[in-house]
């Protein structure tokens, strides 16, 4: 009798060898897709207006309101709602239309630490005078302990 060839399709008396190689191509494809997704979304998670926030020892606020509005003041004193620049005269009207005049809507104020205290208080006073009661100032957490 001649030599018996194992065609791989049937196991009639021949030896069966399990395949020991792992196909990693699908794994690499998924990892590359996830990498691209994270690279695209990471820059979108930060606020669009660059602000140098002051440090504070105040505790973090609870996140009871998941849709706060952000009002930002940059170094030059320009006012932004989200990433849109707004004139001071139109700020209160714009906030009223964005919140449907809901005084319970939370508004965060982010201001550059080099700004004059009076400029920040003027914006805060305008917002508070329009009836919004949940207004908070945003700062960086201080790394120094008292």
Foldseek 3Di string as FASTA:
>chain_A
DDDDDDPVPDPDPHDDDDDPDDDCVVVVVVVVVVVVVCVVCVVVVDQDDDAAFAEDQDDDDDPPDVDAWEWEQHPVRFIDTRNHTDDLVCVQVVVCVVVVNDLAHAYEYEYHPNDDPVSSVVSVCVNVVSRRDRYYYDGHYDPDDD
